PDB file of N, CA and C in Angstrom:
ATOM      1  N   UNK A   1     -38.944  28.643  30.315  1.00  0.00           N
ATOM      2  CA  UNK A   1     -39.155  28.843  31.737  1.00  0.00           C
ATOM      3  C   UNK A   1     -39.241  30.345  32.005  1.00  0.00           C
ATOM      4  N   UNK A   2     -40.276  30.775  32.723  1.00  0.00           N
ATOM      5  CA  UNK A   2     -40.394  32.194  33.029  1.00  0.00           C
ATOM      6  C   UNK A   2     -39.624  32.524  34.303  1.00  0.00           C
ATOM      7  N   UNK A   3     -39.478  33.810  34.597  1.00  0.00           N
ATOM      8  CA  UNK A   3     -38.682  34.259  35.739  1.00  0.00           C
ATOM      9  C   UNK A   3     -39.227  33.730  37.058  1.00  0.00           C
ATOM     10  N   UNK A   4     -40.524  33.631  37.162  1.00  0.00           N
ATOM     11  CA  UNK A   4     -41.124  33.158  38.407  1.00  0.00           C
ATOM     12  C   UNK A   4     -40.748  31.703  38.686  1.00  0.00           C
ATOM     13  N   UNK A   5     -40.665  30.884  37.656  1.00  0.00           N
ATOM     14  CA  UNK A   5     -40.320  29.487  37.849  1.00  0.00           C
ATOM     15  C   UNK A   5     -38.856  29.295  38.203  1.00  0.00           C
ATOM     16  N   UNK A   6     -37.989  30.214  37.832  1.00  0.00           N
ATOM     17  CA  UNK A   6     -36.567  30.052  38.090  1.00  0.00           C
ATOM     18  C   UNK A   6     -36.166  30.468  39.497  1.00  0.00           C
ATOM     19  N   UNK A   7     -37.007  31.189  40.218  1.00  0.00           N
ATOM     20  CA  UNK A   7     -36.714  31.615  41.578  1.00  0.00           C
ATOM     21  C   UNK A   7     -37.367  30.623  42.534  1.00  0.00           C
ATOM     22  N   UNK A   8     -36.578  30.069  43.474  1.00  0.00           N
ATOM     23  CA  UNK A   8     -37.179  29.108  44.397  1.00  0.00           C
ATOM     24  C   UNK A   8     -38.228  29.769  45.288  1.00  0.00           C
ATOM     25  N   UNK A   9     -39.271  29.044  45.567  1.00  0.00           N
ATOM     26  CA  UNK A   9     -40.327  29.562  46.434  1.00  0.00           C
ATOM     27  C   UNK A   9     -39.899  29.450  47.890  1.00  0.00           C
ATOM     28  N   UNK A  10     -40.666  30.116  48.772  1.00  0.00           N
ATOM     29  CA  UNK A  10     -40.417  30.037  50.204  1.00  0.00           C
ATOM     30  C   UNK A  10     -40.436  28.573  50.635  1.00  0.00           C
ATOM     31  N   UNK A  11     -41.409  27.820  50.153  1.00  0.00           N
ATOM     32  CA  UNK A  11     -41.529  26.412  50.516  1.00  0.00           C
ATOM     33  C   UNK A  11     -40.332  25.595  50.085  1.00  0.00           C
ATOM     34  N   UNK A  12     -39.800  25.865  48.906  1.00  0.00           N
ATOM     35  CA  UNK A  12     -38.629  25.129  48.440  1.00  0.00           C
ATOM     36  C   UNK A  12     -37.408  25.463  49.282  1.00  0.00           C
ATOM     37  N   UNK A  13     -37.310  26.705  49.710  1.00  0.00           N
ATOM     38  CA  UNK A  13     -36.157  27.110  50.510  1.00  0.00           C
ATOM     39  C   UNK A  13     -36.159  26.465  51.889  1.00  0.00           C
ATOM     40  N   UNK A  14     -37.326  26.232  52.463  1.00  0.00           N
ATOM     41  CA  UNK A  14     -37.410  25.739  53.824  1.00  0.00           C
ATOM     42  C   UNK A  14     -37.816  24.277  53.934  1.00  0.00           C
ATOM     43  N   UNK A  15     -37.860  23.572  52.839  1.00  0.00           N
ATOM     44  CA  UNK A  15     -38.145  22.146  52.903  1.00  0.00           C
ATOM     45  C   UNK A  15     -36.864  21.386  52.626  1.00  0.00           C
ATOM     46  N   UNK A  16     -36.836  20.161  53.066  1.00  0.00           N
ATOM     47  CA  UNK A  16     -35.649  19.328  52.884  1.00  0.00           C
ATOM     48  C   UNK A  16     -36.021  18.187  51.956  1.00  0.00           C
ATOM     49  N   UNK A  17     -35.437  18.187  50.768  1.00  0.00           N
ATOM     50  CA  UNK A  17     -35.625  17.077  49.856  1.00  0.00           C
ATOM     51  C   UNK A  17     -36.934  17.038  49.089  1.00  0.00           C
ATOM     52  N   UNK A  18     -37.813  18.002  49.304  1.00  0.00           N
ATOM     53  CA  UNK A  18     -39.065  18.011  48.562  1.00  0.00           C
ATOM     54  C   UNK A  18     -39.635  19.415  48.573  1.00  0.00           C
ATOM     55  N   UNK A  19     -40.609  19.645  47.720  1.00  0.00           N
ATOM     56  CA  UNK A  19     -41.281  20.930  47.661  1.00  0.00           C
ATOM     57  C   UNK A  19     -42.574  20.832  48.460  1.00  0.00           C
ATOM     58  N   UNK A  20     -42.798  21.771  49.367  1.00  0.00           N
ATOM     59  CA  UNK A  20     -44.029  21.799  50.145  1.00  0.00           C
ATOM     60  C   UNK A  20     -45.154  22.332  49.284  1.00  0.00           C
ATOM     61  N   UNK A  21     -46.357  21.888  49.566  1.00  0.00           N
ATOM     62  CA  UNK A  21     -47.484  22.505  48.889  1.00  0.00           C
ATOM     63  C   UNK A  21     -47.748  23.861  49.537  1.00  0.00           C
ATOM     64  N   UNK A  22     -48.559  24.667  48.899  1.00  0.00           N
ATOM     65  CA  UNK A  22     -48.796  26.031  49.362  1.00  0.00           C
ATOM     66  C   UNK A  22     -49.356  26.061  50.772  1.00  0.00           C
ATOM     67  N   UNK A  23     -50.307  25.209  51.062  1.00  0.00           N
ATOM     68  CA  UNK A  23     -50.919  25.181  52.382  1.00  0.00           C
ATOM     69  C   UNK A  23     -49.888  24.852  53.455  1.00  0.00           C
ATOM     70  N   UNK A  24     -49.079  23.838  53.199  1.00  0.00           N
ATOM     71  CA  UNK A  24     -48.059  23.448  54.167  1.00  0.00           C
ATOM     72  C   UNK A  24     -47.050  24.580  54.374  1.00  0.00           C
ATOM     73  N   UNK A  25     -46.638  25.229  53.312  1.00  0.00           N
ATOM     74  CA  UNK A  25     -45.684  26.333  53.420  1.00  0.00           C
ATOM     75  C   UNK A  25     -46.277  27.482  54.238  1.00  0.00           C
ATOM     76  N   UNK A  26     -47.544  27.804  53.971  1.00  0.00           N
ATOM     77  CA  UNK A  26     -48.192  28.877  54.721  1.00  0.00           C
ATOM     78  C   UNK A  26     -48.341  28.516  56.194  1.00  0.00           C
ATOM     79  N   UNK A  27     -48.737  27.290  56.480  1.00  0.00           N
ATOM     80  CA  UNK A  27     -48.887  26.867  57.873  1.00  0.00           C
ATOM     81  C   UNK A  27     -47.558  26.893  58.614  1.00  0.00           C
ATOM     82  N   UNK A  28     -46.487  26.441  57.964  1.00  0.00           N
ATOM     83  CA  UNK A  28     -45.166  26.485  58.607  1.00  0.00           C
ATOM     84  C   UNK A  28     -44.729  27.930  58.828  1.00  0.00           C
ATOM     85  N   UNK A  29     -45.031  28.789  57.881  1.00  0.00           N
ATOM     86  CA  UNK A  29     -44.702  30.208  58.039  1.00  0.00           C
ATOM     87  C   UNK A  29     -45.460  30.836  59.192  1.00  0.00           C
ATOM     88  N   UNK A  30     -46.734  30.526  59.307  1.00  0.00           N
ATOM     89  CA  UNK A  30     -47.549  31.039  60.417  1.00  0.00           C
ATOM     90  C   UNK A  30     -47.022  30.508  61.740  1.00  0.00           C
ATOM     91  N   UNK A  31     -46.723  29.205  61.796  1.00  0.00           N
ATOM     92  CA  UNK A  31     -46.184  28.610  63.017  1.00  0.00           C
ATOM     93  C   UNK A  31     -44.892  29.300  63.427  1.00  0.00           C
ATOM     94  N   UNK A  32     -43.982  29.496  62.486  1.00  0.00           N
ATOM     95  CA  UNK A  32     -42.698  30.127  62.800  1.00  0.00           C
ATOM     96  C   UNK A  32     -42.896  31.562  63.280  1.00  0.00           C
ATOM     97  N   UNK A  33     -43.826  32.287  62.662  1.00  0.00           N
ATOM     98  CA  UNK A  33     -44.070  33.677  63.050  1.00  0.00           C
ATOM     99  C   UNK A  33     -44.641  33.754  64.460  1.00  0.00           C
ATOM    100  N   UNK A  34     -45.630  32.945  64.742  1.00  0.00           N
ATOM    101  CA  UNK A  34     -46.241  32.936  66.075  1.00  0.00           C
ATOM    102  C   UNK A  34     -45.229  32.444  67.109  1.00  0.00           C
ATOM    103  N   UNK A  35     -44.458  31.424  66.755  1.00  0.00           N
ATOM    104  CA  UNK A  35     -43.473  30.877  67.688  1.00  0.00           C
ATOM    105  C   UNK A  35     -42.402  31.899  68.026  1.00  0.00           C
ATOM    106  N   UNK A  36     -41.959  32.668  67.032  1.00  0.00           N
ATOM    107  CA  UNK A  36     -40.933  33.696  67.303  1.00  0.00           C
ATOM    108  C   UNK A  36     -41.458  34.762  68.254  1.00  0.00           C
ATOM    109  N   UNK A  37     -42.743  35.064  68.168  1.00  0.00           N
ATOM    110  CA  UNK A  37     -43.343  36.041  69.077  1.00  0.00           C
ATOM    111  C   UNK A  37     -43.518  35.445  70.476  1.00  0.00           C
ATOM    112  N   UNK A  38     -43.779  34.158  70.541  1.00  0.00           N
ATOM    113  CA  UNK A  38     -44.020  33.481  71.809  1.00  0.00           C
ATOM    114  C   UNK A  38     -42.726  33.035  72.484  1.00  0.00           C
ATOM    115  N   UNK A  39     -41.811  32.476  71.687  1.00  0.00           N
ATOM    116  CA  UNK A  39     -40.551  31.929  72.195  1.00  0.00           C
ATOM    117  C   UNK A  39     -39.375  32.659  71.543  1.00  0.00           C
ATOM    118  N   UNK A  40     -38.812  33.664  72.201  1.00  0.00           N
ATOM    119  CA  UNK A  40     -37.605  34.271  71.638  1.00  0.00           C
ATOM    120  C   UNK A  40     -36.497  33.220  71.545  1.00  0.00           C
ATOM    121  N   UNK A  41     -35.559  33.439  70.649  1.00  0.00           N
ATOM    122  CA  UNK A  41     -34.490  32.464  70.433  1.00  0.00           C
ATOM    123  C   UNK A  41     -33.772  32.112  71.739  1.00  0.00           C
ATOM    124  N   UNK A  42     -33.499  33.088  72.588  1.00  0.00           N
ATOM    125  CA  UNK A  42     -32.801  32.810  73.844  1.00  0.00           C
ATOM    126  C   UNK A  42     -33.596  31.853  74.738  1.00  0.00           C
ATOM    127  N   UNK A  43     -34.920  31.987  74.737  1.00  0.00           N
ATOM    128  CA  UNK A  43     -35.761  31.105  75.545  1.00  0.00           C
ATOM    129  C   UNK A  43     -35.698  29.667  75.021  1.00  0.00           C
ATOM    130  N   UNK A  44     -35.726  29.514  73.703  1.00  0.00           N
ATOM    131  CA  UNK A  44     -35.638  28.173  73.125  1.00  0.00           C
ATOM    132  C   UNK A  44     -34.260  27.581  73.394  1.00  0.00           C
ATOM    133  N   UNK A  45     -33.222  28.399  73.283  1.00  0.00           N
ATOM    134  CA  UNK A  45     -31.868  27.910  73.556  1.00  0.00           C
ATOM    135  C   UNK A  45     -31.742  27.373  74.976  1.00  0.00           C
ATOM    136  N   UNK A  46     -32.408  28.019  75.933  1.00  0.00           N
ATOM    137  CA  UNK A  46     -32.362  27.547  77.327  1.00  0.00           C
ATOM    138  C   UNK A  46     -33.038  26.189  77.481  1.00  0.00           C
ATOM    139  N   UNK A  47     -34.039  25.927  76.667  1.00  0.00           N
ATOM    140  CA  UNK A  47     -34.724  24.635  76.710  1.00  0.00           C
ATOM    141  C   UNK A  47     -33.923  23.580  75.955  1.00  0.00           C
ATOM    142  N   UNK A  48     -33.418  23.941  74.788  1.00  0.00           N
ATOM    143  CA  UNK A  48     -32.733  22.989  73.910  1.00  0.00           C
ATOM    144  C   UNK A  48     -31.359  22.621  74.444  1.00  0.00           C
ATOM    145  N   UNK A  49     -30.594  23.605  74.855  1.00  0.00           N
ATOM    146  CA  UNK A  49     -29.222  23.373  75.323  1.00  0.00           C
ATOM    147  C   UNK A  49     -29.019  24.120  76.635  1.00  0.00           C
ATOM    148  N   UNK A  50     -29.578  23.588  77.723  1.00  0.00           N
ATOM    149  CA  UNK A  50     -29.547  24.320  78.999  1.00  0.00           C
ATOM    150  C   UNK A  50     -28.160  24.404  79.647  1.00  0.00           C
ATOM    151  N   UNK A  51     -27.227  23.576  79.214  1.00  0.00           N
ATOM    152  CA  UNK A  51     -25.890  23.595  79.809  1.00  0.00           C
ATOM    153  C   UNK A  51     -24.854  23.943  78.750  1.00  0.00           C
ATOM    154  N   UNK A  52     -23.671  24.275  79.210  1.00  0.00           N
ATOM    155  CA  UNK A  52     -22.574  24.580  78.284  1.00  0.00           C
ATOM    156  C   UNK A  52     -22.281  23.351  77.427  1.00  0.00           C
ATOM    157  N   UNK A  53     -21.801  23.592  76.233  1.00  0.00           N
ATOM    158  CA  UNK A  53     -21.454  22.489  75.345  1.00  0.00           C
ATOM    159  C   UNK A  53     -22.654  21.817  74.712  1.00  0.00           C
ATOM    160  N   UNK A  54     -23.711  22.565  74.461  1.00  0.00           N
ATOM    161  CA  UNK A  54     -24.926  22.002  73.891  1.00  0.00           C
ATOM    162  C   UNK A  54     -24.985  22.012  72.381  1.00  0.00           C
ATOM    163  N   UNK A  55     -23.818  21.962  71.733  1.00  0.00           N
ATOM    164  CA  UNK A  55     -23.800  22.026  70.269  1.00  0.00           C
ATOM    165  C   UNK A  55     -24.533  20.842  69.639  1.00  0.00           C
ATOM    166  N   UNK A  56     -24.383  19.647  70.224  1.00  0.00           N
ATOM    167  CA  UNK A  56     -25.061  18.465  69.670  1.00  0.00           C
ATOM    168  C   UNK A  56     -26.566  18.590  69.819  1.00  0.00           C
ATOM    169  N   UNK A  57     -27.022  19.103  70.969  1.00  0.00           N
ATOM    170  CA  UNK A  57     -28.454  19.289  71.174  1.00  0.00           C
ATOM    171  C   UNK A  57     -29.002  20.345  70.220  1.00  0.00           C
ATOM    172  N   UNK A  58     -28.238  21.406  70.007  1.00  0.00           N
ATOM    173  CA  UNK A  58     -28.661  22.444  69.071  1.00  0.00           C
ATOM    174  C   UNK A  58     -28.771  21.879  67.657  1.00  0.00           C
ATOM    175  N   UNK A  59     -27.785  21.085  67.262  1.00  0.00           N
ATOM    176  CA  UNK A  59     -27.840  20.444  65.943  1.00  0.00           C
ATOM    177  C   UNK A  59     -29.056  19.524  65.854  1.00  0.00           C
ATOM    178  N   UNK A  60     -29.278  18.720  66.895  1.00  0.00           N
ATOM    179  CA  UNK A  60     -30.429  17.805  66.893  1.00  0.00           C
ATOM    180  C   UNK A  60     -31.737  18.579  66.780  1.00  0.00           C
ATOM    181  N   UNK A  61     -31.865  19.660  67.537  1.00  0.00           N
ATOM    182  CA  UNK A  61     -33.080  20.480  67.467  1.00  0.00           C
ATOM    183  C   UNK A  61     -33.292  20.997  66.042  1.00  0.00           C
ATOM    184  N   UNK A  62     -32.238  21.518  65.437  1.00  0.00           N
ATOM    185  CA  UNK A  62     -32.362  22.062  64.082  1.00  0.00           C
ATOM    186  C   UNK A  62     -32.658  20.983  63.047  1.00  0.00           C
ATOM    187  N   UNK A  63     -32.295  19.741  63.334  1.00  0.00           N
ATOM    188  CA  UNK A  63     -32.613  18.634  62.433  1.00  0.00           C
ATOM    189  C   UNK A  63     -34.066  18.176  62.562  1.00  0.00           C
ATOM    190  N   UNK A  64     -34.759  18.644  63.579  1.00  0.00           N
ATOM    191  CA  UNK A  64     -36.175  18.307  63.774  1.00  0.00           C
ATOM    192  C   UNK A  64     -37.009  19.119  62.783  1.00  0.00           C
ATOM    193  N   UNK A  65     -37.040  18.656  61.545  1.00  0.00           N
ATOM    194  CA  UNK A  65     -37.698  19.390  60.468  1.00  0.00           C
ATOM    195  C   UNK A  65     -39.050  18.805  60.078  1.00  0.00           C
ATOM    196  N   UNK A  66     -39.509  17.800  60.801  1.00  0.00           N
ATOM    197  CA  UNK A  66     -40.783  17.169  60.474  1.00  0.00           C
ATOM    198  C   UNK A  66     -40.679  16.126  59.387  1.00  0.00           C
ATOM    199  N   UNK A  67     -39.456  15.913  58.875  1.00  0.00           N
ATOM    200  CA  UNK A  67     -39.244  14.939  57.802  1.00  0.00           C
ATOM    201  C   UNK A  67     -38.133  13.947  58.123  1.00  0.00           C
ATOM    202  N   UNK A  68     -37.391  14.199  59.195  1.00  0.00           N
ATOM    203  CA  UNK A  68     -36.265  13.358  59.559  1.00  0.00           C
ATOM    204  C   UNK A  68     -36.634  12.566  60.805  1.00  0.00           C
ATOM    205  N   UNK A  69     -36.394  11.266  60.766  1.00  0.00           N
ATOM    206  CA  UNK A  69     -36.738  10.430  61.910  1.00  0.00           C
ATOM    207  C   UNK A  69     -35.824  10.737  63.085  1.00  0.00           C
ATOM    208  N   UNK A  70     -36.293  10.409  64.260  1.00  0.00           N
ATOM    209  CA  UNK A  70     -35.512  10.629  65.465  1.00  0.00           C
ATOM    210  C   UNK A  70     -34.227   9.805  65.420  1.00  0.00           C
ATOM    211  N   UNK A  71     -34.292   8.603  64.881  1.00  0.00           N
ATOM    212  CA  UNK A  71     -33.105   7.760  64.771  1.00  0.00           C
ATOM    213  C   UNK A  71     -32.062   8.413  63.865  1.00  0.00           C
ATOM    214  N   UNK A  72     -32.501   8.977  62.746  1.00  0.00           N
ATOM    215  CA  UNK A  72     -31.585   9.646  61.824  1.00  0.00           C
ATOM    216  C   UNK A  72     -31.004  10.910  62.458  1.00  0.00           C
ATOM    217  N   UNK A  73     -31.831  11.640  63.200  1.00  0.00           N
ATOM    218  CA  UNK A  73     -31.353  12.837  63.897  1.00  0.00           C
ATOM    219  C   UNK A  73     -30.248  12.441  64.878  1.00  0.00           C
ATOM    220  N   UNK A  74     -30.476  11.360  65.619  1.00  0.00           N
ATOM    221  CA  UNK A  74     -29.476  10.889  66.574  1.00  0.00           C
ATOM    222  C   UNK A  74     -28.157  10.532  65.919  1.00  0.00           C
ATOM    223  N   UNK A  75     -28.243   9.872  64.767  1.00  0.00           N
ATOM    224  CA  UNK A  75     -27.020   9.512  64.039  1.00  0.00           C
ATOM    225  C   UNK A  75     -26.281  10.747  63.553  1.00  0.00           C
ATOM    226  N   UNK A  76     -27.008  11.684  62.961  1.00  0.00           N
ATOM    227  CA  UNK A  76     -26.383  12.894  62.416  1.00  0.00           C
ATOM    228  C   UNK A  76     -25.780  13.766  63.516  1.00  0.00           C
ATOM    229  N   UNK A  77     -26.459  13.845  64.661  1.00  0.00           N
ATOM    230  CA  UNK A  77     -25.981  14.685  65.758  1.00  0.00           C
ATOM    231  C   UNK A  77     -25.034  13.934  66.694  1.00  0.00           C
ATOM    232  N   UNK A  78     -24.894  12.632  66.462  1.00  0.00           N
ATOM    233  CA  UNK A  78     -24.033  11.781  67.290  1.00  0.00           C
ATOM    234  C   UNK A  78     -24.452  11.821  68.762  1.00  0.00           C
ATOM    235  N   UNK A  79     -25.770  11.644  68.964  1.00  0.00           N
ATOM    236  CA  UNK A  79     -26.334  11.615  70.305  1.00  0.00           C
ATOM    237  C   UNK A  79     -26.839  10.217  70.626  1.00  0.00           C
ATOM    238  N   UNK A  80     -26.687   9.810  71.859  1.00  0.00           N
ATOM    239  CA  UNK A  80     -27.214   8.548  72.345  1.00  0.00           C
ATOM    240  C   UNK A  80     -28.736   8.541  72.176  1.00  0.00           C
ATOM    241  N   UNK A  81     -29.314   7.437  71.671  1.00  0.00           N
ATOM    242  CA  UNK A  81     -30.766   7.403  71.441  1.00  0.00           C
ATOM    243  C   UNK A  81     -31.598   7.713  72.685  1.00  0.00           C
ATOM    244  N   UNK A  82     -31.178   7.240  73.838  1.00  0.00           N
ATOM    245  CA  UNK A  82     -31.918   7.508  75.077  1.00  0.00           C
ATOM    246  C   UNK A  82     -31.876   8.976  75.456  1.00  0.00           C
ATOM    247  N   UNK A  83     -30.687   9.572  75.352  1.00  0.00           N
ATOM    248  CA  UNK A  83     -30.560  10.999  75.662  1.00  0.00           C
ATOM    249  C   UNK A  83     -31.375  11.844  74.687  1.00  0.00           C
ATOM    250  N   UNK A  84     -31.328  11.483  73.405  1.00  0.00           N
ATOM    251  CA  UNK A  84     -32.102  12.231  72.416  1.00  0.00           C
ATOM    252  C   UNK A  84     -33.595  12.081  72.675  1.00  0.00           C
ATOM    253  N   UNK A  85     -34.020  10.889  73.002  1.00  0.00           N
ATOM    254  CA  UNK A  85     -35.441  10.656  73.277  1.00  0.00           C
ATOM    255  C   UNK A  85     -35.921  11.522  74.443  1.00  0.00           C
ATOM    256  N   UNK A  86     -35.119  11.569  75.503  1.00  0.00           N
ATOM    257  CA  UNK A  86     -35.488  12.402  76.653  1.00  0.00           C
ATOM    258  C   UNK A  86     -35.475  13.884  76.280  1.00  0.00           C
ATOM    259  N   UNK A  87     -34.501  14.291  75.471  1.00  0.00           N
ATOM    260  CA  UNK A  87     -34.427  15.696  75.042  1.00  0.00           C
ATOM    261  C   UNK A  87     -35.640  16.069  74.205  1.00  0.00           C
ATOM    262  N   UNK A  88     -35.990  15.220  73.242  1.00  0.00           N
ATOM    263  CA  UNK A  88     -37.147  15.514  72.382  1.00  0.00           C
ATOM    264  C   UNK A  88     -38.419  15.560  73.223  1.00  0.00           C
ATOM    265  N   UNK A  89     -38.562  14.653  74.180  1.00  0.00           N
ATOM    266  CA  UNK A  89     -39.738  14.670  75.058  1.00  0.00           C
ATOM    267  C   UNK A  89     -39.790  15.981  75.847  1.00  0.00           C
ATOM    268  N   UNK A  90     -38.641  16.441  76.325  1.00  0.00           N
ATOM    269  CA  UNK A  90     -38.567  17.710  77.052  1.00  0.00           C
ATOM    270  C   UNK A  90     -38.943  18.873  76.136  1.00  0.00           C
ATOM    271  N   UNK A  91     -38.471  18.839  74.883  1.00  0.00           N
ATOM    272  CA  UNK A  91     -38.766  19.902  73.926  1.00  0.00           C
ATOM    273  C   UNK A  91     -40.259  19.917  73.580  1.00  0.00           C
ATOM    274  N   UNK A  92     -40.842  18.735  73.429  1.00  0.00           N
ATOM    275  CA  UNK A  92     -42.281  18.646  73.142  1.00  0.00           C
ATOM    276  C   UNK A  92     -43.068  19.205  74.330  1.00  0.00           C
ATOM    277  N   UNK A  93     -42.685  18.806  75.549  1.00  0.00           N
ATOM    278  CA  UNK A  93     -43.374  19.310  76.743  1.00  0.00           C
ATOM    279  C   UNK A  93     -43.272  20.836  76.858  1.00  0.00           C
ATOM    280  N   UNK A  94     -42.144  21.392  76.427  1.00  0.00           N
ATOM    281  CA  UNK A  94     -41.943  22.842  76.496  1.00  0.00           C
ATOM    282  C   UNK A  94     -42.645  23.575  75.353  1.00  0.00           C
ATOM    283  N   UNK A  95     -43.106  22.831  74.347  1.00  0.00           N
ATOM    284  CA  UNK A  95     -43.829  23.439  73.231  1.00  0.00           C
ATOM    285  C   UNK A  95     -42.958  23.960  72.107  1.00  0.00           C
ATOM    286  N   UNK A  96     -41.658  23.594  72.101  1.00  0.00           N
ATOM    287  CA  UNK A  96     -40.775  24.086  71.034  1.00  0.00           C
ATOM    288  C   UNK A  96     -40.561  23.057  69.927  1.00  0.00           C
ATOM    289  N   UNK A  97     -41.087  21.851  70.126  1.00  0.00           N
ATOM    290  CA  UNK A  97     -41.074  20.797  69.109  1.00  0.00           C
ATOM    291  C   UNK A  97     -42.456  20.168  69.082  1.00  0.00           C
ATOM    292  N   UNK A  98     -42.935  19.886  67.884  1.00  0.00           N
ATOM    293  CA  UNK A  98     -44.221  19.205  67.684  1.00  0.00           C
ATOM    294  C   UNK A  98     -43.952  17.852  67.052  1.00  0.00           C
ATOM    295  N   UNK A  99     -44.877  16.945  67.178  1.00  0.00           N
ATOM    296  CA  UNK A  99     -44.807  15.664  66.465  1.00  0.00           C
ATOM    297  C   UNK A  99     -45.808  15.758  65.326  1.00  0.00           C
ATOM    298  N   UNK A 100     -45.342  15.487  64.090  1.00  0.00           N
ATOM    299  CA  UNK A 100     -46.204  15.660  62.928  1.00  0.00           C
ATOM    300  C   UNK A 100     -46.256  14.410  62.063  1.00  0.00           C
ATOM    301  N   UNK A 101     -47.357  14.291  61.330  1.00  0.00           N
ATOM    302  CA  UNK A 101     -47.513  13.219  60.362  1.00  0.00           C
ATOM    303  C   UNK A 101     -47.833  11.883  60.991  1.00  0.00           C
ATOM    304  N   UNK A 102     -48.088  10.903  60.142  1.00  0.00           N
ATOM    305  CA  UNK A 102     -48.451   9.573  60.639  1.00  0.00           C
ATOM    306  C   UNK A 102     -47.318   8.903  61.415  1.00  0.00           C
ATOM    307  N   UNK A 103     -46.071   9.287  61.129  1.00  0.00           N
ATOM    308  CA  UNK A 103     -44.931   8.710  61.845  1.00  0.00           C
ATOM    309  C   UNK A 103     -44.540   9.517  63.072  1.00  0.00           C
ATOM    310  N   UNK A 104     -45.277  10.599  63.342  1.00  0.00           N
ATOM    311  CA  UNK A 104     -45.022  11.450  64.504  1.00  0.00           C
ATOM    312  C   UNK A 104     -43.566  11.918  64.568  1.00  0.00           C
ATOM    313  N   UNK A 105     -43.074  12.447  63.428  1.00  0.00           N
ATOM    314  CA  UNK A 105     -41.703  12.934  63.343  1.00  0.00           C
ATOM    315  C   UNK A 105     -41.583  14.276  64.067  1.00  0.00           C
ATOM    316  N   UNK A 106     -40.451  14.510  64.723  1.00  0.00           N
ATOM    317  CA  UNK A 106     -40.299  15.780  65.446  1.00  0.00           C
ATOM    318  C   UNK A 106     -40.079  16.947  64.496  1.00  0.00           C
ATOM    319  N   UNK A 107     -40.747  18.082  64.805  1.00  0.00           N
ATOM    320  CA  UNK A 107     -40.597  19.293  64.000  1.00  0.00           C
ATOM    321  C   UNK A 107     -40.449  20.484  64.946  1.00  0.00           C
ATOM    322  N   UNK A 108     -39.355  21.221  64.795  1.00  0.00           N
ATOM    323  CA  UNK A 108     -39.138  22.409  65.624  1.00  0.00           C
ATOM    324  C   UNK A 108     -40.103  23.515  65.215  1.00  0.00           C
ATOM    325  N   UNK A 109     -40.339  24.468  66.136  1.00  0.00           N
ATOM    326  CA  UNK A 109     -41.222  25.583  65.811  1.00  0.00           C
ATOM    327  C   UNK A 109     -40.533  26.557  64.862  1.00  0.00           C
ATOM    328  N   UNK A 110     -39.217  26.689  64.975  1.00  0.00           N
ATOM    329  CA  UNK A 110     -38.380  27.384  63.994  1.00  0.00           C
ATOM    330  C   UNK A 110     -36.931  27.025  64.288  1.00  0.00           C
ATOM    331  N   UNK A 111     -36.092  27.020  63.269  1.00  0.00           N
ATOM    332  CA  UNK A 111     -34.689  26.662  63.498  1.00  0.00           C
ATOM    333  C   UNK A 111     -33.944  27.771  64.238  1.00  0.00           C
ATOM    334  N   UNK A 112     -32.960  27.368  65.015  1.00  0.00           N
ATOM    335  CA  UNK A 112     -32.122  28.330  65.731  1.00  0.00           C
ATOM    336  C   UNK A 112     -30.865  28.595  64.925  1.00  0.00           C
ATOM    337  N   UNK A 113     -30.386  29.816  64.994  1.00  0.00           N
ATOM    338  CA  UNK A 113     -29.247  30.184  64.169  1.00  0.00           C
ATOM    339  C   UNK A 113     -27.914  30.099  64.882  1.00  0.00           C
ATOM    340  N   UNK A 114     -27.895  30.193  66.206  1.00  0.00           N
ATOM    341  CA  UNK A 114     -26.613  30.171  66.910  1.00  0.00           C
ATOM    342  C   UNK A 114     -26.804  29.776  68.359  1.00  0.00           C
ATOM    343  N   UNK A 115     -25.700  29.353  68.945  1.00  0.00           N
ATOM    344  CA  UNK A 115     -25.679  29.057  70.376  1.00  0.00           C
ATOM    345  C   UNK A 115     -25.440  30.362  71.126  1.00  0.00           C
ATOM    346  N   UNK A 116     -25.841  30.414  72.387  1.00  0.00           N
ATOM    347  CA  UNK A 116     -25.612  31.637  73.148  1.00  0.00           C
ATOM    348  C   UNK A 116     -24.127  31.876  73.352  1.00  0.00           C
ATOM    349  N   UNK A 117     -23.753  33.125  73.377  1.00  0.00           N
ATOM    350  CA  UNK A 117     -22.360  33.497  73.595  1.00  0.00           C
ATOM    351  C   UNK A 117     -21.987  33.248  75.046  1.00  0.00           C
ATOM    352  N   UNK A 118     -20.818  32.684  75.273  1.00  0.00           N
ATOM    353  CA  UNK A 118     -20.369  32.413  76.641  1.00  0.00           C
ATOM    354  C   UNK A 118     -20.017  33.693  77.378  1.00  0.00           C
ATOM    355  N   UNK A 119     -19.754  34.762  76.654  1.00  0.00           N
ATOM    356  CA  UNK A 119     -19.370  36.016  77.286  1.00  0.00           C
ATOM    357  C   UNK A 119     -20.554  36.945  77.504  1.00  0.00           C
ATOM    358  N   UNK A 120     -21.694  36.663  76.923  1.00  0.00           N
ATOM    359  CA  UNK A 120     -22.860  37.521  77.051  1.00  0.00           C
ATOM    360  C   UNK A 120     -23.732  37.022  78.201  1.00  0.00           C
ATOM    361  N   UNK A 121     -23.787  37.712  79.341  1.00  0.00           N
ATOM    362  CA  UNK A 121     -24.569  37.240  80.491  1.00  0.00           C
ATOM    363  C   UNK A 121     -26.061  37.183  80.230  1.00  0.00           C
ATOM    364  N   UNK A 122     -26.581  37.946  79.266  1.00  0.00           N
ATOM    365  CA  UNK A 122     -28.019  37.922  78.964  1.00  0.00           C
ATOM    366  C   UNK A 122     -28.435  36.581  78.378  1.00  0.00           C
ATOM    367  N   UNK A 123     -27.526  35.856  77.778  1.00  0.00           N
ATOM    368  CA  UNK A 123     -27.880  34.633  77.055  1.00  0.00           C
ATOM    369  C   UNK A 123     -27.550  33.376  77.850  1.00  0.00           C
ATOM    370  N   UNK A 124     -27.317  33.526  79.115  1.00  0.00           N
ATOM    371  CA  UNK A 124     -27.030  32.354  79.940  1.00  0.00           C
ATOM    372  C   UNK A 124     -28.260  31.840  80.587  1.00  0.00           C
TER     373      UNK A 124
END
């Protein structure tokens, strides 16, 4: 095995349970780059978790990887299916989640790293 094969690729690092092909990895990278320029993290946080205590919604959003079903996301995030369905519809309408593939699985434009600080007025 050469050194290049032993280092995980960008696609392997950002895929869940499988290796993305080069085209898919590049497209996801382009989407994330454009989305970060269009939607700063604070703006997405306001859409994803508009009220205090939005940890479950934040987890659900981050689970929207384009490979996990909405039902599985709901189970993992411990969210009511109806509430999750309405949240995902709101996220799709806002442009921060896309539906991809033949099963129309939800995929975020990029994962969020943290919830807004309760003490920072800029992030409310």
